[in-house]
């Protein structure tokens, strides 16, 4: 059964905290992100631990799955799900740290920067 790109899948492999949703909505508004773009969550080779996270607004592609997470349209390459299943994305704004954080139960180790991991 082929999935139509405009229909979200029910189960979501990643979660977004309320803080992350609020920040993403602010970014979408302030950067004038087109309505047909979704939040791409993925991985790429590199970083100090082997993989680094991909997080940014993008258009869906043929190999993607689309999820609705707290009103945010999340796009993920099907092949990346094995690395991201169960991950929580948060946004922190403190004195010593500001930005998106990734709590990934699939990571066997992470580095100090928090954006790189090994599986």
C-alpha atoms as a PDB file:
ATOM      1  CA  UNK A   1       0.000   0.000   0.000  1.00  0.00           C
ATOM      2  CA  UNK A   2       1.551   3.292  -1.068  1.00  0.00           C
ATOM      3  CA  UNK A   3       1.302   6.183   1.345  1.00  0.00           C
ATOM      4  CA  UNK A   4       0.125   9.513   0.036  1.00  0.00           C
ATOM      5  CA  UNK A   5       2.569  12.228   1.116  1.00  0.00           C
ATOM      6  CA  UNK A   6      -0.178  14.520   2.408  1.00  0.00           C
ATOM      7  CA  UNK A   7      -1.634  12.007   4.892  1.00  0.00           C
ATOM      8  CA  UNK A   8       0.152  11.793   8.268  1.00  0.00           C
ATOM      9  CA  UNK A   9       0.957   8.385   9.734  1.00  0.00           C
ATOM     10  CA  UNK A  10      -0.661   7.738  13.132  1.00  0.00           C
ATOM     11  CA  UNK A  11       2.295   6.498  15.219  1.00  0.00           C
ATOM     12  CA  UNK A  12       5.152   8.923  15.722  1.00  0.00           C
ATOM     13  CA  UNK A  13       8.750   7.740  16.167  1.00  0.00           C
ATOM     14  CA  UNK A  14       9.864  10.992  17.832  1.00  0.00           C
ATOM     15  CA  UNK A  15       8.295  13.311  20.372  1.00  0.00           C
ATOM     16  CA  UNK A  16       8.529  17.062  20.755  1.00  0.00           C
ATOM     17  CA  UNK A  17       8.298  18.808  24.101  1.00  0.00           C
ATOM     18  CA  UNK A  18       6.016  21.814  24.480  1.00  0.00           C
ATOM     19  CA  UNK A  19       9.129  24.031  24.560  1.00  0.00           C
ATOM     20  CA  UNK A  20      10.337  22.607  21.245  1.00  0.00           C
ATOM     21  CA  UNK A  21       6.902  23.077  19.636  1.00  0.00           C
ATOM     22  CA  UNK A  22       6.753  26.684  20.830  1.00  0.00           C
ATOM     23  CA  UNK A  23      10.234  27.451  19.472  1.00  0.00           C
ATOM     24  CA  UNK A  24       9.549  25.699  16.152  1.00  0.00           C
ATOM     25  CA  UNK A  25       6.350  27.688  15.691  1.00  0.00           C
ATOM     26  CA  UNK A  26       8.262  30.904  16.404  1.00  0.00           C
ATOM     27  CA  UNK A  27      10.939  29.963  13.854  1.00  0.00           C
ATOM     28  CA  UNK A  28       8.301  29.070  11.245  1.00  0.00           C
ATOM     29  CA  UNK A  29       6.626  32.437  11.756  1.00  0.00           C
ATOM     30  CA  UNK A  30       9.744  34.647  11.951  1.00  0.00           C
ATOM     31  CA  UNK A  31      11.505  32.952   9.008  1.00  0.00           C
ATOM     32  CA  UNK A  32       8.368  32.835   6.808  1.00  0.00           C
ATOM     33  CA  UNK A  33       8.698  29.073   6.245  1.00  0.00           C
ATOM     34  CA  UNK A  34       6.328  27.975   3.414  1.00  0.00           C
ATOM     35  CA  UNK A  35       3.178  26.172   4.602  1.00  0.00           C
ATOM     36  CA  UNK A  36       4.000  23.014   2.599  1.00  0.00           C
ATOM     37  CA  UNK A  37       7.307  22.542   4.458  1.00  0.00           C
ATOM     38  CA  UNK A  38       7.581  20.244   7.443  1.00  0.00           C
ATOM     39  CA  UNK A  39      10.193  19.722  10.108  1.00  0.00           C
ATOM     40  CA  UNK A  40      12.794  17.283   8.809  1.00  0.00           C
ATOM     41  CA  UNK A  41      14.243  15.095  11.555  1.00  0.00           C
ATOM     42  CA  UNK A  42      17.042  12.763  10.517  1.00  0.00           C
ATOM     43  CA  UNK A  43      20.635  11.687  10.807  1.00  0.00           C
ATOM     44  CA  UNK A  44      23.729  12.062   8.684  1.00  0.00           C
ATOM     45  CA  UNK A  45      27.189  10.596   8.887  1.00  0.00           C
ATOM     46  CA  UNK A  46      29.730  12.747  10.662  1.00  0.00           C
ATOM     47  CA  UNK A  47      30.120  14.532  13.929  1.00  0.00           C
ATOM     48  CA  UNK A  48      32.526  13.534  16.654  1.00  0.00           C
ATOM     49  CA  UNK A  49      30.650  10.313  17.493  1.00  0.00           C
ATOM     50  CA  UNK A  50      29.762   8.982  14.026  1.00  0.00           C
ATOM     51  CA  UNK A  51      26.310  10.444  13.344  1.00  0.00           C
ATOM     52  CA  UNK A  52      24.866  13.905  13.729  1.00  0.00           C
ATOM     53  CA  UNK A  53      21.249  14.983  13.830  1.00  0.00           C
ATOM     54  CA  UNK A  54      19.435  16.790  11.034  1.00  0.00           C
ATOM     55  CA  UNK A  55      16.756  19.248  12.134  1.00  0.00           C
ATOM     56  CA  UNK A  56      15.284  21.858   9.818  1.00  0.00           C
ATOM     57  CA  UNK A  57      12.310  22.790   7.692  1.00  0.00           C
ATOM     58  CA  UNK A  58      12.134  21.045   4.315  1.00  0.00           C
ATOM     59  CA  UNK A  59       9.748  19.674   1.700  1.00  0.00           C
ATOM     60  CA  UNK A  60       8.789  15.979   1.805  1.00  0.00           C
ATOM     61  CA  UNK A  61      10.491  13.611  -0.616  1.00  0.00           C
ATOM     62  CA  UNK A  62       9.400  10.250  -1.994  1.00  0.00           C
ATOM     63  CA  UNK A  63      11.244   8.139   0.611  1.00  0.00           C
ATOM     64  CA  UNK A  64       9.837  10.141   3.548  1.00  0.00           C
ATOM     65  CA  UNK A  65       7.144   9.385   6.083  1.00  0.00           C
ATOM     66  CA  UNK A  66       5.078  12.230   7.506  1.00  0.00           C
ATOM     67  CA  UNK A  67       3.888  12.452  11.095  1.00  0.00           C
ATOM     68  CA  UNK A  68       1.836  14.960  13.046  1.00  0.00           C
ATOM     69  CA  UNK A  69       3.525  15.655  16.380  1.00  0.00           C
ATOM     70  CA  UNK A  70       1.608  18.180  18.508  1.00  0.00           C
ATOM     71  CA  UNK A  71       0.532  20.053  15.397  1.00  0.00           C
ATOM     72  CA  UNK A  72       4.014  20.077  13.836  1.00  0.00           C
ATOM     73  CA  UNK A  73       4.298  18.269  10.496  1.00  0.00           C
ATOM     74  CA  UNK A  74       7.390  16.054  10.972  1.00  0.00           C
ATOM     75  CA  UNK A  75       9.156  14.561   7.952  1.00  0.00           C
ATOM     76  CA  UNK A  76      11.518  11.610   8.322  1.00  0.00           C
ATOM     77  CA  UNK A  77      13.338   9.425   5.819  1.00  0.00           C
ATOM     78  CA  UNK A  78      12.074   5.861   6.380  1.00  0.00           C
ATOM     79  CA  UNK A  79      15.659   4.572   6.677  1.00  0.00           C
ATOM     80  CA  UNK A  80      16.413   6.917   9.605  1.00  0.00           C
ATOM     81  CA  UNK A  81      13.687   5.571  11.900  1.00  0.00           C
ATOM     82  CA  UNK A  82      15.937   2.834  13.295  1.00  0.00           C
ATOM     83  CA  UNK A  83      18.257   5.523  14.700  1.00  0.00           C
ATOM     84  CA  UNK A  84      15.540   7.875  15.931  1.00  0.00           C
ATOM     85  CA  UNK A  85      12.728   5.690  17.307  1.00  0.00           C
ATOM     86  CA  UNK A  86      11.729   6.962  20.751  1.00  0.00           C
ATOM     87  CA  UNK A  87      13.806  10.151  20.567  1.00  0.00           C
ATOM     88  CA  UNK A  88      12.596  13.283  22.328  1.00  0.00           C
ATOM     89  CA  UNK A  89      13.449  16.727  20.979  1.00  0.00           C
ATOM     90  CA  UNK A  90      13.418  19.595  23.461  1.00  0.00           C
ATOM     91  CA  UNK A  91      14.380  23.257  23.414  1.00  0.00           C
ATOM     92  CA  UNK A  92      16.349  24.608  26.342  1.00  0.00           C
ATOM     93  CA  UNK A  93      17.041  28.222  27.121  1.00  0.00           C
ATOM     94  CA  UNK A  94      19.345  28.553  30.076  1.00  0.00           C
ATOM     95  CA  UNK A  95      22.415  30.475  31.128  1.00  0.00           C
ATOM     96  CA  UNK A  96      24.812  27.747  30.027  1.00  0.00           C
ATOM     97  CA  UNK A  97      22.913  26.253  27.105  1.00  0.00           C
ATOM     98  CA  UNK A  98      20.385  27.400  24.515  1.00  0.00           C
ATOM     99  CA  UNK A  99      19.073  25.344  21.636  1.00  0.00           C
ATOM    100  CA  UNK A 100      17.469  22.089  20.649  1.00  0.00           C
ATOM    101  CA  UNK A 101      18.447  18.968  22.568  1.00  0.00           C
ATOM    102  CA  UNK A 102      18.066  15.337  21.534  1.00  0.00           C
ATOM    103  CA  UNK A 103      17.326  12.561  24.041  1.00  0.00           C
ATOM    104  CA  UNK A 104      17.887   9.432  21.953  1.00  0.00           C
ATOM    105  CA  UNK A 105      17.476   6.001  23.614  1.00  0.00           C
ATOM    106  CA  UNK A 106      19.156   4.360  20.582  1.00  0.00           C
ATOM    107  CA  UNK A 107      22.457   6.182  21.051  1.00  0.00           C
ATOM    108  CA  UNK A 108      25.124   3.969  22.591  1.00  0.00           C
ATOM    109  CA  UNK A 109      27.226   7.074  23.247  1.00  0.00           C
ATOM    110  CA  UNK A 110      26.996  10.791  22.697  1.00  0.00           C
ATOM    111  CA  UNK A 111      29.525  13.584  22.649  1.00  0.00           C
ATOM    112  CA  UNK A 112      29.712  16.735  24.689  1.00  0.00           C
ATOM    113  CA  UNK A 113      28.099  18.901  22.017  1.00  0.00           C
ATOM    114  CA  UNK A 114      24.857  16.887  22.252  1.00  0.00           C
ATOM    115  CA  UNK A 115      24.314  16.831  18.488  1.00  0.00           C
ATOM    116  CA  UNK A 116      26.442  13.783  17.675  1.00  0.00           C
ATOM    117  CA  UNK A 117      26.012  10.137  18.657  1.00  0.00           C
ATOM    118  CA  UNK A 118      26.957   6.568  17.854  1.00  0.00           C
ATOM    119  CA  UNK A 119      24.527   3.686  17.584  1.00  0.00           C
END
